[in-house]
Protein backbone atom coordinates (compact mmCIF):
# COMPACT_ATOMS: atom_id res chain seq x y z
CA MET A 1 -0.04 0.00 0.00
CA ARG A 2 2.84 2.37 0.91
CA LYS A 3 4.55 1.55 -2.45
CA LEU A 4 1.30 2.39 -4.28
CA PHE A 5 1.10 5.75 -2.44
CA TYR A 6 4.64 6.62 -3.44
CA VAL A 7 3.93 5.75 -7.05
CA VAL A 8 0.84 7.97 -7.11
CA VAL A 9 2.73 10.90 -5.55
CA PHE A 10 5.70 10.51 -7.89
CA THR A 11 3.36 10.28 -10.93
CA SER A 12 1.52 13.38 -9.81
CA LEU A 13 4.72 15.34 -9.46
CA ILE A 14 5.89 14.33 -12.93
CA ALA A 15 2.59 15.33 -14.45
CA SER A 16 2.65 18.67 -12.57
CA CYS A 17 6.21 19.47 -13.73
CA TYR A 18 5.29 18.43 -17.25
CA GLY A 19 2.26 20.70 -17.23
CA GLN A 20 4.22 23.64 -15.85
CA GLY A 21 6.90 23.10 -18.49
CA ARG A 22 4.30 23.17 -21.28
CA PHE A 23 2.77 26.36 -19.79
CA VAL A 24 6.13 28.12 -19.73
CA ASP A 25 7.01 26.98 -23.25
CA ALA A 26 3.67 28.14 -24.60
CA TRP A 27 4.07 31.54 -22.90
CA GLN A 28 7.58 32.09 -24.20
CA LYS A 29 6.44 31.09 -27.72
CA ARG A 30 3.58 33.57 -27.55
CA VAL A 31 5.98 36.36 -26.52
CA ARG A 32 8.42 35.51 -29.27
CA VAL A 33 5.67 35.54 -31.90
CA THR A 34 4.15 38.77 -30.58
CA SER A 35 7.58 40.50 -30.47
CA SER A 36 8.52 39.32 -33.95
CA GLN A 37 5.57 41.20 -35.48
CA GLN A 38 6.76 44.67 -34.37
CA PRO A 39 9.95 46.66 -34.52
CA GLY A 40 12.77 45.87 -32.06
CA TRP A 41 13.25 49.47 -30.92
CA ALA A 42 14.60 50.31 -27.47
CA VAL A 43 11.99 51.36 -24.92
CA PRO A 44 12.74 55.20 -24.34
CA VAL A 45 13.82 56.51 -20.99
CA PHE A 46 10.62 58.54 -20.41
CA THR A 47 8.22 57.84 -23.28
CA PRO A 48 6.35 54.57 -23.12
CA SER A 49 6.94 52.14 -25.94
CA SER A 50 4.53 52.06 -28.86
CA GLY A 51 4.89 48.23 -29.03
CA LEU A 52 4.55 45.44 -26.51
CA VAL A 53 7.33 44.38 -24.12
CA GLN A 54 7.92 41.80 -21.45
CA LEU A 55 10.40 42.93 -18.81
CA ILE A 56 11.11 43.85 -15.26
CA ARG A 57 12.00 47.54 -14.87
CA PHE A 58 13.52 49.69 -12.11
CA ASP A 59 14.08 53.48 -12.44
CA ALA A 60 15.57 56.11 -10.14
CA ILE A 61 14.67 59.81 -10.83
CA ARG A 62 16.05 62.90 -9.17
CA GLN A 63 13.81 65.98 -9.55
CA TYR A 64 14.92 69.54 -8.82
CA SER A 65 12.15 72.03 -8.18
CA PRO A 66 11.81 75.82 -8.74
CA THR A 67 12.05 76.26 -4.95
CA HIS A 68 15.48 74.59 -4.93
CA THR A 69 14.41 71.34 -3.33
CA THR A 70 15.20 67.87 -4.47
CA THR A 71 12.99 64.72 -4.60
CA TRP A 72 14.23 61.30 -5.32
CA ASN A 73 11.69 58.94 -6.94
CA VAL A 74 12.87 55.43 -6.21
CA ASP A 75 11.46 52.88 -8.68
CA GLY A 76 9.83 55.53 -10.81
CA GLY A 77 6.47 53.78 -10.50
CA LYS A 78 7.70 50.90 -12.68
CA GLY A 79 7.55 47.19 -12.21
CA PHE A 80 6.47 44.14 -14.24
CA ASN A 81 5.44 44.26 -17.91
CA ILE A 82 4.26 40.90 -19.23
CA ILE A 83 2.55 39.58 -22.41
CA PRO A 84 -0.16 37.20 -21.01
CA TRP A 85 -2.07 36.98 -24.30
CA TYR A 86 -1.30 37.45 -27.99
CA LYS A 87 -0.89 41.11 -28.92
CA THR A 88 -1.66 42.15 -25.30
CA GLU A 89 0.51 43.58 -22.56
CA LEU A 90 -0.24 43.93 -18.83
CA ASP A 91 1.82 46.22 -16.64
CA LEU A 92 1.80 45.97 -12.86
CA ASN A 93 3.68 49.03 -11.60
CA LEU A 94 4.76 49.10 -7.88
CA PRO A 95 4.26 52.29 -5.93
CA PRO A 96 7.32 54.54 -6.14
CA PHE A 97 8.98 55.63 -2.91
CA LEU A 98 9.58 59.41 -2.65
CA LEU A 99 12.44 60.95 -0.68
CA HIS A 100 12.26 64.71 -0.07
CA ASP A 101 14.77 67.14 1.30
CA ALA A 102 12.14 69.93 1.69
CA LYS A 103 11.25 70.83 5.23
CA ASN A 104 7.95 69.54 6.68
CA THR A 105 7.58 67.15 3.72
CA VAL A 106 7.26 63.48 4.68
CA ASP A 107 8.81 60.66 2.67
CA GLY A 108 6.66 57.74 1.69
CA PRO A 109 5.18 55.53 -1.06
CA GLY A 110 3.16 56.78 -4.00
CA ASP A 111 0.33 55.21 -5.94
CA PHE A 112 0.02 51.74 -7.38
CA SER A 113 -0.78 51.68 -11.10
CA LEU A 114 -1.53 49.23 -13.86
CA LEU A 115 -1.98 49.28 -17.61
CA LEU A 116 -3.67 47.02 -20.17
CA LYS A 117 -2.38 47.54 -23.76
CA TYR A 118 -3.43 46.01 -27.05
CA ARG A 119 -1.38 46.32 -30.23
CA LEU A 120 -3.73 47.33 -33.08
CA LEU A 121 -1.19 47.38 -35.88
CA GLY A 122 2.45 46.36 -36.15
CA ALA A 123 5.16 45.20 -38.56
CA ASN A 124 8.88 44.52 -37.99
CA GLU A 125 11.73 46.31 -39.76
CA MET A 126 11.45 44.08 -42.79
CA LYS A 127 7.75 44.49 -43.37
CA GLY A 128 6.91 48.18 -42.66
CA ASN A 129 8.61 49.14 -39.40
CA TYR A 130 5.68 50.61 -37.41
CA SER A 131 3.43 49.92 -34.40
CA VAL A 132 0.13 51.35 -33.18
CA SER A 133 -1.38 50.46 -29.79
CA ALA A 134 -4.17 51.47 -27.47
CA ALA A 135 -4.32 51.16 -23.70
CA VAL A 136 -6.18 51.91 -20.52
CA ALA A 137 -4.15 52.74 -17.51
CA GLY A 138 -5.32 53.12 -13.95
CA SER A 139 -4.00 54.10 -10.53
CA VAL A 140 -5.05 53.25 -7.01
CA PRO A 141 -4.51 55.93 -4.31
CA THR A 142 -2.09 53.97 -2.12
CA GLY A 143 0.25 56.94 -1.47
CA SER A 144 0.94 58.30 2.05
CA HIS A 145 1.49 61.84 3.28
CA LYS A 146 0.38 63.46 0.04
CA ASN A 147 2.93 61.44 -2.00
CA GLY A 148 0.08 60.15 -4.14
CA SER A 149 -3.27 61.33 -5.46
CA ALA A 150 -6.47 61.68 -3.29
CA ASP A 151 -8.38 59.57 -5.85
CA GLY A 152 -7.78 56.90 -8.42
CA THR A 153 -7.40 57.73 -12.14
CA VAL A 154 -8.32 56.12 -15.36
CA ALA A 155 -6.20 57.15 -18.44
CA PRO A 156 -7.01 56.08 -22.01
CA THR A 157 -3.82 56.12 -23.99
CA VAL A 158 -2.82 55.81 -27.68
CA PHE A 159 0.70 54.90 -28.89
CA VAL A 160 2.19 55.24 -32.42
CA GLY A 161 5.66 54.50 -33.74
CA LYS A 162 7.35 54.59 -37.13
CA GLY A 163 10.92 53.62 -38.10
CA PHE A 164 13.08 54.68 -41.02
CA ARG A 165 16.11 52.35 -41.12
CA SER A 166 18.13 53.13 -38.04
CA PHE A 167 15.92 56.05 -36.96
CA ASP A 168 12.55 55.82 -35.25
CA VAL A 169 9.90 58.03 -33.68
CA GLN A 170 7.63 56.86 -30.89
CA SER A 171 4.83 58.95 -29.40
CA ALA A 172 2.13 58.48 -26.76
CA ALA A 173 -0.78 60.67 -25.63
CA ALA A 174 -3.02 60.14 -22.59
CA MET A 175 -5.72 61.92 -20.61
CA ALA A 176 -5.97 61.27 -16.87
CA LEU A 177 -9.52 61.10 -15.66
CA PRO A 178 -9.84 61.18 -11.81
CA THR A 179 -12.45 59.00 -10.17
CA GLY A 180 -13.33 61.83 -7.70
CA HIS A 181 -12.60 65.47 -6.78
CA THR A 182 -12.30 66.43 -10.46
CA ALA A 183 -12.34 70.11 -9.63
CA ALA A 184 -9.24 69.71 -7.47
CA SER A 185 -7.33 67.30 -9.73
CA GLY A 186 -8.37 68.41 -13.29
CA ARG A 187 -7.94 66.26 -16.34
CA PRO A 188 -4.32 66.75 -17.54
CA ILE A 189 -3.31 65.61 -21.03
CA SER A 190 0.20 64.17 -21.39
CA TRP A 191 2.04 63.87 -24.69
CA ASN A 192 5.46 62.26 -25.01
CA THR A 193 7.56 61.78 -28.13
CA ALA A 194 10.96 60.07 -28.47
CA PHE A 195 13.41 60.37 -31.39
CA GLN A 196 15.92 57.54 -31.44
CA TYR A 197 18.84 56.51 -33.66
CA LYS A 198 20.48 53.04 -33.38
CA VAL A 199 24.30 53.07 -33.43
CA LYS A 200 26.55 50.01 -33.45
CA ARG A 201 23.85 47.48 -32.66
CA ILE A 202 23.19 48.31 -28.97
CA PHE A 203 23.50 52.08 -28.56
CA TRP A 204 20.40 54.27 -28.83
CA PRO A 205 20.97 58.02 -28.40
CA GLU A 206 17.62 59.82 -28.13
CA LEU A 207 15.90 63.12 -27.67
CA GLU A 208 12.47 63.13 -25.97
CA ILE A 209 9.86 65.86 -25.66
CA SER A 210 7.38 65.57 -22.79
CA SER A 211 4.45 67.92 -22.46
CA THR A 212 1.55 68.22 -20.06
CA PHE A 213 -1.53 70.31 -20.84
CA PHE A 214 -3.58 71.05 -17.70
CA ARG A 215 -7.40 71.09 -17.98
CA GLY A 216 -9.29 72.02 -14.82
CA GLY A 217 -7.80 71.94 -11.37
CA PRO A 218 -5.44 74.52 -9.86
CA HIS A 219 -3.17 74.68 -12.97
CA ASP A 220 -6.04 75.06 -15.45
CA GLY A 221 -4.93 76.48 -18.83
CA LYS A 222 -1.19 76.03 -18.16
CA ALA A 223 1.20 73.82 -20.00
CA GLN A 224 4.72 72.59 -19.42
CA THR A 225 7.24 71.05 -21.72
CA PHE A 226 10.61 69.27 -21.14
CA LEU A 227 13.38 68.29 -23.55
CA ALA A 228 15.27 65.18 -22.55
CA PRO A 229 18.50 64.02 -24.16
CA GLY A 230 19.34 60.46 -23.24
CA LEU A 231 21.19 57.29 -24.10
CA GLU A 232 20.25 53.64 -23.84
CA VAL A 233 22.29 50.39 -24.19
CA SER A 234 19.86 47.83 -25.48
CA LYS A 235 19.94 44.87 -25.52
CA ILE A 236 22.79 42.98 -23.86
CA LYS A 237 22.01 39.29 -24.13
CA LEU A 238 22.78 37.13 -21.10
CA THR A 239 22.95 33.83 -22.99
CA SER A 240 24.21 32.54 -26.36
CA ASN A 241 20.91 30.66 -26.96
CA GLU A 242 19.36 32.31 -30.00
CA THR A 243 15.84 31.48 -28.85
CA SER A 244 16.33 33.02 -25.37
CA ARG A 245 15.05 36.56 -24.74
CA LEU A 246 17.02 37.01 -21.55
CA ALA A 247 18.87 40.37 -21.70
CA VAL A 248 19.58 43.53 -19.78
CA VAL A 249 19.05 47.21 -20.75
CA PHE A 250 20.58 50.27 -19.16
CA GLY A 251 19.91 53.96 -19.86
CA ALA A 252 19.92 57.47 -18.56
CA GLY A 253 18.36 60.80 -19.59
CA GLU A 254 17.58 64.23 -18.20
CA GLN A 255 14.45 66.29 -18.61
CA ILE A 256 15.04 70.03 -18.87
CA ALA A 257 12.15 72.49 -18.60
CA VAL A 258 11.80 74.71 -21.67
CA THR A 259 8.57 76.49 -20.75
CA HIS A 260 8.08 79.36 -18.37
CA TYR A 261 5.62 77.35 -16.23
CA HIS A 262 6.99 74.05 -14.94
CA THR A 263 6.44 71.98 -11.80
CA TYR A 264 10.14 71.04 -11.66
CA ASN A 265 13.28 72.45 -13.29
CA HIS A 266 14.88 69.20 -14.42
CA ALA A 267 14.80 65.51 -13.70
CA LEU A 268 17.71 63.07 -14.06
CA SER A 269 16.56 59.49 -14.65
CA PHE A 270 18.47 56.21 -14.53
CA THR A 271 16.75 53.13 -15.89
CA SER A 272 17.44 49.45 -15.91
CA ARG A 273 15.37 46.54 -17.35
CA LEU A 274 15.62 42.77 -17.38
CA VAL A 275 14.06 41.40 -20.59
CA PHE A 276 12.70 37.83 -20.36
């Protein structure tokens, strides 16, 4: 009887491992197929990618304000980007941790956010070199001590990208719709565009333009724009296996305010990603 028990347990373990192996293989195949049908551009430092990506991301951002105070944004509100279904990306972004040097300002976590993106159109560099996606992003007010928003937000977003040999342009526009206290928060519109050029296989110098147009709220009618030169090293493969996606990406860029109105003077960002 004991032998029969061991046989049943061993057989169950083998079946479980086999099932898990098939699940992982199917997932990786789906990611490879989805990625092969779009350009292989680097994800910009500030502008979100117009395509779909599967990676783990960590950023660190240093903001300098007009009142000469500094805020460190640890994690940058990034986290896990996965491709759970064909042509679909799901982002689970951990709350950033904000460190302030201003007096009477308490450090603490910001808001948790997530995004669901679907690629509407796409073609790799050999078949058109473009991508078009749509997404819905959302945030949950998990921040403490005014490090986050008072209410959640829903943000419909569109992404477009077009490549011309080694050069590409990626752009994203979104409107943040608060779930409450609209008069206090407003409905800001963000528009980010990145211009990239691929050099020597893994180097991607870039220039980004980030604008926010405030509608409603305390900054109603105002707009701010930042220029951000940057450089990314993408991708450094971690294995010689041609079918493996495992790689690392590093980059840095600095936003510089170019409009009279701005909520911060400049922001230096360091980004790292693990592609899998």
